Amino acid sequence: MAAVVLVHGLYHRPEHFSVVAEGLRTDGTEVAVPELHRGSLAADTAAVQAVIDALPEPPVVLGHSYGGAVITGIRGAAHLVYLAAFVLDAGESAASLGGASQQLTDAIVAAPDGSTTLHPGLAIDTLYGDCPEPLAARAVGLLRAQGPGCGRGVPQHHSWKKTTSTYVICAQDRAIDPGLQRTMAARCTDVREWQTGHSPFVGQPDLIVKLLRELLPTRSAPRRNQDATTVR
């Protein structure tokens, strides 16, 4: 069975990908959407790796925003999809690349324990400004607090150097500068550009379903042990 793993970004939950997941499942694709928020980039990456390792075939793995930093560190994917996401090289973190726009930074509300949340009114315009109002309101309602430090995590492996990849630039993005996205996209095998905001899985999920169906292997490939003894 073909499989897809969907990896959400900071402040988000697996439920943000529910429409995409259901769209893929209608034609028999196995879909996993792991929960992040494990406390660090390394822990988030390990959680996604466990899901990949449990699948019978190498999956297509999509990472959104910070989720790109997570999937950069995994092994065993058939194809990587970076959706307005961070494609990190050695020594880089999302924070070191200047990931958050000023508009997103302004929406962040810090708590005394070091965690942060997003101001709902500002988040709806920054993350979902091009989405229909009811869908945007639901998406904002799903947002959760984010622990500190994940955006400063540095991957210890760089999967895009050995695995085919597709970068989707969201040209109307207000959270991550499309110019930065184009710079990171140059590291990938293929590049698409959509005239969407930061979160097409909310406003235009059919775009993502169509792309992932296109990228799914037409026949099963044996699981590869990619570079198992070498950490890059």
Protein backbone atom coordinates (compact mmCIF):
# COMPACT_ATOMS: atom_id res chain seq x y z
CA MET A 1 0.00 0.00 0.00
CA ALA A 2 1.27 3.47 -0.89
CA ALA A 3 1.87 5.64 2.17
CA VAL A 4 2.15 9.32 3.02
CA VAL A 5 3.40 10.91 6.23
CA LEU A 6 2.25 14.49 6.90
CA VAL A 7 4.32 16.55 9.34
CA HIS A 8 2.82 19.75 10.73
CA GLY A 9 4.61 22.91 11.81
CA LEU A 10 4.95 24.90 15.03
CA TYR A 11 1.72 25.63 16.94
CA HIS A 12 -0.16 23.20 14.74
CA ARG A 13 -1.75 19.79 15.33
CA PRO A 14 -2.33 16.71 13.16
CA GLU A 15 -5.97 17.81 12.86
CA HIS A 16 -4.89 20.69 10.63
CA PHE A 17 -4.17 18.07 7.95
CA SER A 18 -7.48 16.20 8.37
CA VAL A 19 -8.99 17.15 5.01
CA VAL A 20 -5.79 16.29 3.14
CA ALA A 21 -5.51 12.98 4.96
CA GLU A 22 -9.10 11.99 4.22
CA GLY A 23 -8.72 12.98 0.56
CA LEU A 24 -5.74 10.65 0.20
CA ARG A 25 -7.40 7.80 2.07
CA THR A 26 -10.33 7.74 -0.35
CA ASP A 27 -8.18 5.99 -2.95
CA GLY A 28 -6.48 3.61 -0.53
CA THR A 29 -3.39 5.55 0.45
CA GLU A 30 -2.20 4.92 3.98
CA VAL A 31 -1.74 8.24 5.79
CA ALA A 32 0.03 8.95 9.06
CA VAL A 33 0.06 12.36 10.75
CA PRO A 34 2.31 12.19 13.80
CA GLU A 35 1.97 14.61 16.70
CA LEU A 36 5.03 16.79 17.27
CA HIS A 37 5.52 19.06 20.32
CA ARG A 38 7.95 16.54 21.86
CA GLY A 39 10.19 19.26 23.31
CA SER A 40 13.01 19.53 20.76
CA LEU A 41 13.78 19.12 17.09
CA ALA A 42 15.61 15.86 17.87
CA ALA A 43 12.60 14.47 19.74
CA ASP A 44 10.17 15.57 17.02
CA THR A 45 12.39 13.94 14.38
CA ALA A 46 12.54 10.71 16.38
CA ALA A 47 8.74 10.63 16.62
CA VAL A 48 8.37 10.94 12.85
CA GLN A 49 11.14 8.40 12.26
CA ALA A 50 9.28 5.86 14.40
CA VAL A 51 6.20 6.28 12.22
CA ILE A 52 8.24 5.83 9.02
CA ASP A 53 9.99 2.75 10.39
CA ALA A 54 6.63 1.13 11.19
CA LEU A 55 5.37 1.41 7.60
CA PRO A 56 5.83 -1.54 5.21
CA GLU A 57 7.06 0.65 2.35
CA PRO A 58 9.05 3.90 2.11
CA PRO A 59 6.50 6.73 2.25
CA VAL A 60 6.24 10.13 0.65
CA VAL A 61 6.91 12.51 3.54
CA LEU A 62 5.61 16.10 3.55
CA GLY A 63 6.80 18.69 6.04
CA HIS A 64 5.14 22.08 6.46
CA SER A 65 7.06 25.09 7.78
CA TYR A 66 9.05 23.88 10.84
CA GLY A 67 8.06 20.37 9.73
CA GLY A 68 10.67 20.77 7.00
CA ALA A 69 13.40 20.92 9.65
CA VAL A 70 11.96 17.70 11.07
CA ILE A 71 11.85 15.76 7.80
CA THR A 72 15.37 16.93 6.93
CA GLY A 73 16.59 14.67 9.74
CA ILE A 74 14.66 11.50 8.85
CA ARG A 75 15.72 8.42 6.85
CA GLY A 76 13.82 5.96 4.70
CA ALA A 77 11.50 8.26 2.73
CA ALA A 78 10.67 7.57 -0.91
CA HIS A 79 10.25 11.29 -1.63
CA LEU A 80 10.36 14.47 0.45
CA VAL A 81 7.93 17.37 0.02
CA TYR A 82 8.79 20.72 1.60
CA LEU A 83 5.66 22.89 1.82
CA ALA A 84 6.76 26.47 2.61
CA ALA A 85 9.24 24.61 4.79
CA PHE A 86 12.81 24.69 6.06
CA VAL A 87 15.42 22.78 4.05
CA LEU A 88 18.35 22.99 6.43
CA ASP A 89 22.03 22.36 5.70
CA ALA A 90 24.85 21.59 8.13
CA GLY A 91 24.81 23.87 11.17
CA GLU A 92 21.58 25.63 10.16
CA SER A 93 18.37 26.00 12.12
CA ALA A 94 15.05 27.56 11.19
CA ALA A 95 15.84 30.44 13.53
CA SER A 96 19.31 31.02 12.09
CA LEU A 97 17.80 31.45 8.62
CA GLY A 98 15.52 34.20 9.91
CA GLY A 99 12.48 32.00 9.50
CA ALA A 100 9.63 34.06 10.96
CA SER A 101 8.39 37.16 9.17
CA GLN A 102 7.85 40.33 11.19
CA GLN A 103 4.12 39.75 10.90
CA LEU A 104 4.46 36.29 12.43
CA THR A 105 6.83 37.57 15.11
CA ASP A 106 4.29 40.21 16.08
CA ALA A 107 1.66 37.48 16.56
CA ILE A 108 3.76 35.52 19.07
CA VAL A 109 2.73 35.86 22.72
CA ALA A 110 5.28 34.71 25.31
CA ALA A 111 4.30 33.00 28.57
CA PRO A 112 6.29 33.08 31.86
CA ASP A 113 7.27 29.41 31.47
CA GLY A 114 9.02 30.11 28.15
CA SER A 115 6.27 28.67 25.97
CA THR A 116 4.55 30.80 23.34
CA THR A 117 1.15 31.03 21.70
CA LEU A 118 -0.18 32.96 18.72
CA HIS A 119 -2.59 35.88 19.11
CA PRO A 120 -5.73 34.56 17.36
CA GLY A 121 -6.58 37.78 15.55
CA LEU A 122 -3.08 38.22 14.19
CA ALA A 123 -2.60 34.52 13.45
CA ILE A 124 -5.68 34.29 11.28
CA ASP A 125 -4.31 36.90 8.87
CA THR A 126 -0.71 35.68 8.99
CA LEU A 127 -1.31 31.95 8.58
CA TYR A 128 -4.74 31.69 6.96
CA GLY A 129 -5.36 35.07 5.33
CA ASP A 130 -6.27 33.54 1.97
CA CYS A 131 -8.56 30.85 3.44
CA PRO A 132 -12.37 30.99 3.63
CA GLU A 133 -13.38 32.51 6.97
CA PRO A 134 -15.01 29.39 8.52
CA LEU A 135 -11.97 27.25 7.66
CA ALA A 136 -9.57 29.88 8.96
CA ALA A 137 -11.52 30.20 12.21
CA ARG A 138 -11.42 26.42 12.72
CA ALA A 139 -7.68 26.34 12.02
CA VAL A 140 -6.96 29.11 14.51
CA GLY A 141 -9.06 27.32 17.10
CA LEU A 142 -6.86 24.24 16.74
CA LEU A 143 -3.59 26.08 17.38
CA ARG A 144 -1.78 25.12 20.59
CA ALA A 145 1.02 26.43 22.74
CA GLN A 146 4.58 25.82 21.57
CA GLY A 147 7.46 24.87 23.85
CA PRO A 148 10.71 26.86 23.56
CA GLY A 149 13.72 25.98 21.50
CA CYS A 150 12.47 23.80 18.64
CA GLY A 151 13.15 26.44 16.00
CA ARG A 152 16.78 26.60 17.11
CA GLY A 153 17.32 22.86 16.63
CA VAL A 154 19.97 21.74 14.12
CA PRO A 155 19.40 18.46 12.22
CA GLN A 156 22.15 15.87 12.45
CA HIS A 157 21.26 14.30 9.09
CA HIS A 158 20.27 15.93 5.80
CA SER A 159 17.87 13.67 3.96
CA TRP A 160 17.43 15.94 0.94
CA LYS A 161 21.04 15.29 -0.08
CA LYS A 162 20.24 11.66 -0.91
CA THR A 163 16.46 11.55 -1.41
CA THR A 164 14.49 13.12 -4.26
CA SER A 165 12.52 16.13 -3.11
CA THR A 166 9.93 18.66 -4.19
CA TYR A 167 9.72 22.17 -2.78
CA VAL A 168 6.40 24.03 -2.88
CA ILE A 169 6.85 27.80 -2.66
CA CYS A 170 3.77 29.56 -1.29
CA ALA A 171 4.12 32.85 -3.13
CA GLN A 172 1.57 34.78 -1.02
CA ASP A 173 3.03 33.58 2.30
CA ARG A 174 2.93 36.11 5.16
CA ALA A 175 4.66 33.88 7.71
CA ILE A 176 7.83 32.77 5.88
CA ASP A 177 9.30 35.09 3.26
CA PRO A 178 8.76 33.63 -0.24
CA GLY A 179 12.27 34.91 -1.11
CA LEU A 180 13.73 32.68 1.61
CA GLN A 181 11.58 29.84 0.35
CA ARG A 182 13.05 30.23 -3.13
CA THR A 183 16.57 30.13 -1.71
CA MET A 184 15.84 26.90 0.15
CA ALA A 185 13.96 25.45 -2.83
CA ALA A 186 17.18 25.53 -4.86
CA ARG A 187 18.39 22.66 -2.67
CA CYS A 188 15.57 20.39 -3.83
CA THR A 189 15.19 18.19 -6.90
CA ASP A 190 12.01 19.88 -8.14
CA VAL A 191 10.25 23.17 -7.39
CA ARG A 192 6.60 24.16 -7.67
CA GLU A 193 5.17 27.59 -6.94
CA TRP A 194 1.59 28.10 -5.80
CA GLN A 195 -0.22 31.41 -5.43
CA THR A 196 -1.31 30.61 -1.90
CA GLY A 197 -0.64 31.77 1.64
CA HIS A 198 1.22 29.80 4.28
CA SER A 199 -1.42 27.10 4.81
CA PRO A 200 -2.88 25.61 1.62
CA PHE A 201 -3.84 22.47 3.57
CA VAL A 202 -6.58 24.65 5.08
CA GLY A 203 -7.65 26.78 2.13
CA GLN A 204 -6.84 24.58 -0.88
CA PRO A 205 -6.29 21.02 0.34
CA ASP A 206 -7.02 19.57 -3.11
CA LEU A 207 -3.74 21.09 -4.35
CA ILE A 208 -1.82 19.03 -1.82
CA VAL A 209 -3.81 15.86 -2.44
CA LYS A 210 -3.19 16.16 -6.18
CA LEU A 211 0.54 16.73 -5.73
CA LEU A 212 0.98 13.82 -3.35
CA ARG A 213 -0.96 11.47 -5.61
CA GLU A 214 1.36 12.50 -8.43
CA LEU A 215 4.44 11.72 -6.34
CA LEU A 216 3.31 8.39 -4.93
CA PRO A 217 5.18 5.44 -6.45
CA THR A 218 3.18 3.46 -8.97
CA ARG A 219 4.52 0.21 -7.61
CA SER A 220 6.03 -0.85 -4.34
CA ALA A 221 9.73 -0.31 -3.85
CA PRO A 222 11.79 -2.32 -1.35
CA ARG A 223 12.60 -0.52 1.87
CA ARG A 224 16.02 1.04 1.72
CA ASN A 225 18.37 1.39 4.64
CA GLN A 226 19.51 4.85 3.64
CA ASP A 227 23.01 5.69 4.84
CA ALA A 228 22.29 3.80 8.06
CA THR A 229 25.78 3.95 9.45
CA THR A 230 26.66 7.48 8.42
CA VAL A 231 25.42 10.59 10.19
CA ARG A 232 25.66 13.77 8.15
